[in-house]
């Protein structure tokens, strides 16, 4: 019977730069290859470049919509 020589550690592309990385402690920023790619992705979410498709679950409240006289 042939011995399985495949590496059990998965390899996947970095979501930002697509560089292949191994899912291991050697890449502490996984699934990203580096802190730079991780921060670039965070910036894209913060600037709303990345969005989850669909309708919002709630409407945004503006401070003018609040009735502060009720307790």
Protein backbone atom coordinates (compact mmCIF):
# COMPACT_ATOMS: atom_id res chain seq x y z
CA UNK A 1 0.00 0.00 0.00
CA UNK A 2 1.48 3.40 -0.96
CA UNK A 3 2.30 5.71 1.92
CA UNK A 4 0.52 9.08 2.02
CA UNK A 5 3.26 11.70 1.56
CA UNK A 6 0.98 14.71 1.31
CA UNK A 7 1.53 17.47 3.83
CA UNK A 8 -1.44 17.73 6.24
CA UNK A 9 -0.83 21.47 6.67
CA UNK A 10 -3.08 23.38 4.25
CA UNK A 11 -1.71 26.01 1.89
CA UNK A 12 -3.95 28.87 0.81
CA UNK A 13 -3.59 32.23 -0.92
CA UNK A 14 -3.35 35.44 1.10
CA UNK A 15 -6.71 37.24 0.69
CA UNK A 16 -4.92 40.52 -0.12
CA UNK A 17 -1.93 39.71 -2.33
CA UNK A 18 -2.70 36.06 -3.25
CA UNK A 19 0.77 34.90 -2.14
CA UNK A 20 0.55 31.25 -1.02
CA UNK A 21 0.92 30.73 2.71
CA UNK A 22 0.96 27.66 4.92
CA UNK A 23 -1.61 27.60 7.72
CA UNK A 24 0.89 27.35 10.57
CA UNK A 25 2.46 29.29 13.42
CA UNK A 26 5.05 30.54 10.91
CA UNK A 27 2.36 32.96 9.69
CA UNK A 28 0.98 34.67 12.83
CA UNK A 29 -1.19 37.00 10.70
CA UNK A 30 -2.97 34.14 8.92
CA UNK A 31 -4.98 34.01 6.76
CA UNK A 32 -2.82 36.95 5.62
CA UNK A 33 0.85 36.58 4.72
CA UNK A 34 1.93 39.65 6.69
CA UNK A 35 0.79 42.41 9.00
CA UNK A 36 0.82 44.77 6.00
CA UNK A 37 -1.75 42.67 4.11
CA UNK A 38 -3.82 42.30 7.28
CA UNK A 39 -3.90 46.08 7.84
CA UNK A 40 -4.69 46.77 4.17
CA UNK A 41 -7.71 44.47 4.44
CA UNK A 42 -8.83 46.12 7.68
CA UNK A 43 -8.57 49.51 5.96
CA UNK A 44 -10.74 48.27 3.09
CA UNK A 45 -13.45 47.21 5.56
CA UNK A 46 -13.16 50.52 7.47
CA UNK A 47 -13.51 52.55 4.26
CA UNK A 48 -16.42 50.30 3.20
CA UNK A 49 -14.58 49.08 0.09
CA UNK A 50 -15.55 45.59 1.27
CA UNK A 51 -19.24 45.07 1.91
CA UNK A 52 -21.45 42.11 2.66
CA UNK A 53 -24.16 42.04 -0.03
CA UNK A 54 -27.80 42.42 0.93
CA UNK A 55 -30.18 44.85 2.51
CA UNK A 56 -29.25 46.40 5.86
CA UNK A 57 -31.05 44.88 8.84
CA UNK A 58 -31.68 48.29 10.41
CA UNK A 59 -31.74 51.91 9.34
CA UNK A 60 -29.03 54.21 10.58
CA UNK A 61 -30.16 56.45 13.40
CA UNK A 62 -29.13 60.04 13.20
CA UNK A 63 -28.83 62.04 16.38
CA UNK A 64 -31.65 64.29 15.11
CA UNK A 65 -33.97 61.26 15.08
CA UNK A 66 -33.63 60.70 18.82
CA UNK A 67 -36.22 62.06 21.23
CA UNK A 68 -34.15 62.88 24.28
CA UNK A 69 -37.12 64.18 26.30
CA UNK A 70 -38.42 60.66 27.03
CA UNK A 71 -36.83 58.70 29.85
